[in-house]
Amino acid sequence: MTTPDRAGFALPLLLLAGFRTLIDDLHAELARQGHPDLRPVHGFVLQAVGVPGTTASELGQRLGVSKQAAGKTVDRLVTLGYLERADDPADARRKLVRLTDRGLDGLRRSAVVFDQLRDRWAAVLGTDRVAALEDDLRRMVPADVFRLDVPGWFGT
């Protein structure tokens, strides 16, 4: 029998709260390191653009949002210096969205900070417990967990 402190709805809320805690801590550190304008959705966009770049249409598909929604976010990240638009060398009719050096720096710093945050959790919970949590989540989560369409999934 489920007890009130172990109600079914608590698990997704705790998982979301853990995610939110990590993301909030990441962005606080990124702000200290010179990236105060990056927001959580920007991380999904930068990952979806990737090193080779992409078009706004492809970006919208990867994120699960409309081309217009993707374009609006791209406009903001171009203004902030994280992305640039460039002619596609393979097709002069297309424009590519590409990471700038600032965008690459934000992604590199994020990777380092995530490692530091994992180490912080391990210091509190224990290395074995964090590893067990990761292993258990890998057993429960579908193989395509690392999709980038969270903004669209949340309905933004």
Protein backbone atom coordinates (compact mmCIF):
# COMPACT_ATOMS: atom_id res chain seq x y z
CA MET A 1 0.00 0.00 0.00
CA THR A 2 1.26 3.49 -0.88
CA THR A 3 1.82 5.80 2.05
CA PRO A 4 1.31 9.59 1.80
CA ASP A 5 5.07 10.24 1.82
CA ARG A 6 5.50 7.70 -1.00
CA ALA A 7 2.53 8.68 -3.17
CA GLY A 8 2.93 8.00 -6.88
CA PHE A 9 2.86 11.66 -7.84
CA ALA A 10 5.83 12.41 -5.56
CA LEU A 11 8.37 10.52 -7.69
CA PRO A 12 8.05 12.67 -10.85
CA LEU A 13 7.95 15.80 -8.72
CA LEU A 14 11.14 14.80 -6.91
CA LEU A 15 12.84 13.92 -10.20
CA LEU A 16 11.80 17.27 -11.64
CA ALA A 17 12.94 19.09 -8.50
CA GLY A 18 16.32 17.34 -8.70
CA PHE A 19 16.61 18.34 -12.35
CA ARG A 20 15.60 21.90 -11.51
CA THR A 21 18.14 22.08 -8.68
CA LEU A 22 20.96 20.95 -10.98
CA ILE A 23 19.93 23.35 -13.76
CA ASP A 24 19.54 26.30 -11.39
CA ASP A 25 22.96 25.60 -9.87
CA LEU A 26 24.46 25.26 -13.36
CA HIS A 27 23.10 28.61 -14.47
CA ALA A 28 24.19 30.37 -11.29
CA GLU A 29 27.74 29.15 -11.94
CA LEU A 30 27.60 29.98 -15.65
CA ALA A 31 26.55 33.52 -14.70
CA ARG A 32 29.60 33.78 -12.41
CA GLN A 33 31.77 32.57 -15.30
CA GLY A 34 30.60 35.21 -17.75
CA HIS A 35 27.38 33.76 -19.18
CA PRO A 36 24.64 35.56 -17.21
CA ASP A 37 22.16 35.62 -20.10
CA LEU A 38 22.03 31.87 -20.76
CA ARG A 39 18.71 30.30 -19.79
CA PRO A 40 17.80 26.60 -19.48
CA VAL A 41 16.07 26.51 -22.86
CA HIS A 42 19.20 27.98 -24.45
CA GLY A 43 21.15 24.87 -23.49
CA PHE A 44 18.74 22.68 -25.43
CA VAL A 45 19.02 25.02 -28.41
CA LEU A 46 22.83 25.13 -28.37
CA GLN A 47 22.95 21.32 -28.14
CA ALA A 48 20.44 20.98 -30.99
CA VAL A 49 22.42 23.36 -33.21
CA GLY A 50 25.58 21.35 -32.60
CA VAL A 51 29.02 21.95 -34.04
CA PRO A 52 28.09 21.47 -37.71
CA GLY A 53 25.16 23.87 -37.48
CA THR A 54 21.62 23.45 -38.75
CA THR A 55 18.75 25.31 -40.38
CA ALA A 56 15.92 26.95 -38.43
CA SER A 57 13.48 24.33 -39.78
CA GLU A 58 15.70 21.45 -38.69
CA LEU A 59 16.25 23.12 -35.34
CA GLY A 60 12.49 23.39 -34.77
CA GLN A 61 12.10 19.69 -35.58
CA ARG A 62 14.89 18.70 -33.21
CA LEU A 63 13.38 20.78 -30.41
CA GLY A 64 9.77 19.81 -31.11
CA VAL A 65 8.74 23.43 -31.71
CA SER A 66 7.63 25.44 -34.73
CA LYS A 67 10.15 27.00 -37.10
CA GLN A 68 8.91 30.39 -35.87
CA ALA A 69 9.49 29.52 -32.21
CA ALA A 70 12.95 28.21 -33.04
CA GLY A 71 13.66 31.35 -35.06
CA LYS A 72 12.67 33.59 -32.16
CA THR A 73 15.08 31.80 -29.83
CA VAL A 74 17.80 31.87 -32.47
CA ASP A 75 17.28 35.63 -32.85
CA ARG A 76 17.79 36.05 -29.11
CA LEU A 77 20.93 33.88 -29.07
CA VAL A 78 22.34 35.75 -32.09
CA THR A 79 21.79 39.02 -30.23
CA LEU A 80 23.56 37.57 -27.17
CA GLY A 81 26.48 36.35 -29.31
CA TYR A 82 25.96 32.58 -28.89
CA LEU A 83 24.79 31.83 -32.43
CA GLU A 84 25.29 33.25 -35.90
CA ARG A 85 23.52 32.90 -39.19
CA ALA A 86 25.61 32.05 -42.24
CA ASP A 87 25.13 31.01 -45.85
CA ASP A 88 25.05 27.25 -46.36
CA PRO A 89 28.07 26.42 -48.56
CA ALA A 90 26.17 23.42 -49.97
CA ASP A 91 23.01 25.40 -50.89
CA ALA A 92 23.05 29.18 -51.37
CA ARG A 93 19.28 29.33 -50.78
CA ARG A 94 19.64 28.08 -47.22
CA LYS A 95 20.86 29.84 -44.10
CA LEU A 96 22.66 27.88 -41.41
CA VAL A 97 22.53 28.58 -37.72
CA ARG A 98 25.94 27.96 -36.17
CA LEU A 99 27.56 28.20 -32.76
CA THR A 100 29.93 31.09 -32.19
CA ASP A 101 33.03 30.84 -30.03
CA ARG A 102 30.90 32.21 -27.17
CA GLY A 103 28.32 29.46 -27.76
CA LEU A 104 31.02 26.78 -27.75
CA ASP A 105 32.45 28.28 -24.56
CA GLY A 106 29.05 28.10 -22.89
CA LEU A 107 28.68 24.44 -23.82
CA ARG A 108 32.22 23.57 -22.67
CA ARG A 109 31.74 25.34 -19.36
CA SER A 110 28.37 23.62 -18.88
CA ALA A 111 30.01 20.20 -19.23
CA VAL A 112 32.63 21.08 -16.59
CA VAL A 113 30.03 22.51 -14.20
CA PHE A 114 27.80 19.44 -14.57
CA ASP A 115 30.77 17.27 -13.54
CA GLN A 116 31.30 19.52 -10.51
CA LEU A 117 27.61 19.32 -9.59
CA ARG A 118 27.68 15.54 -9.84
CA ASP A 119 30.72 15.53 -7.54
CA ARG A 120 28.82 17.76 -5.10
CA TRP A 121 25.89 15.33 -5.03
CA ALA A 122 28.34 12.45 -4.53
CA ALA A 123 29.94 14.29 -1.59
CA VAL A 124 26.54 14.57 0.09
CA LEU A 125 24.91 11.27 -0.88
CA GLY A 126 27.99 9.12 -1.43
CA THR A 127 29.61 8.07 -4.68
CA ASP A 128 27.98 4.63 -4.59
CA ARG A 129 24.47 6.06 -4.07
CA VAL A 130 24.81 8.54 -6.95
CA ALA A 131 26.12 5.77 -9.20
CA ALA A 132 23.23 3.50 -8.11
CA LEU A 133 20.73 6.29 -8.80
CA GLU A 134 22.19 6.75 -12.29
CA ASP A 135 22.13 2.99 -12.90
CA ASP A 136 18.53 2.71 -11.71
CA LEU A 137 17.40 5.61 -13.89
CA ARG A 138 19.14 4.04 -16.90
CA ARG A 139 17.14 0.85 -16.26
CA MET A 140 13.84 2.73 -16.09
CA VAL A 141 14.25 5.36 -18.81
CA PRO A 142 13.81 4.56 -22.51
CA ALA A 143 16.94 4.45 -24.66
CA ASP A 144 16.06 7.72 -26.45
CA VAL A 145 16.11 9.70 -23.20
CA PHE A 146 18.59 12.25 -24.48
CA ARG A 147 16.22 13.80 -27.01
CA LEU A 148 16.37 17.58 -27.18
CA ASP A 149 12.65 18.19 -27.66
CA VAL A 150 11.97 19.08 -24.03
CA PRO A 151 10.94 22.66 -24.90
CA GLY A 152 8.27 21.32 -27.27
CA TRP A 153 7.30 18.56 -24.86
CA PHE A 154 6.66 21.16 -22.16
CA GLY A 155 4.51 23.03 -24.65
CA THR A 156 6.70 26.10 -25.04
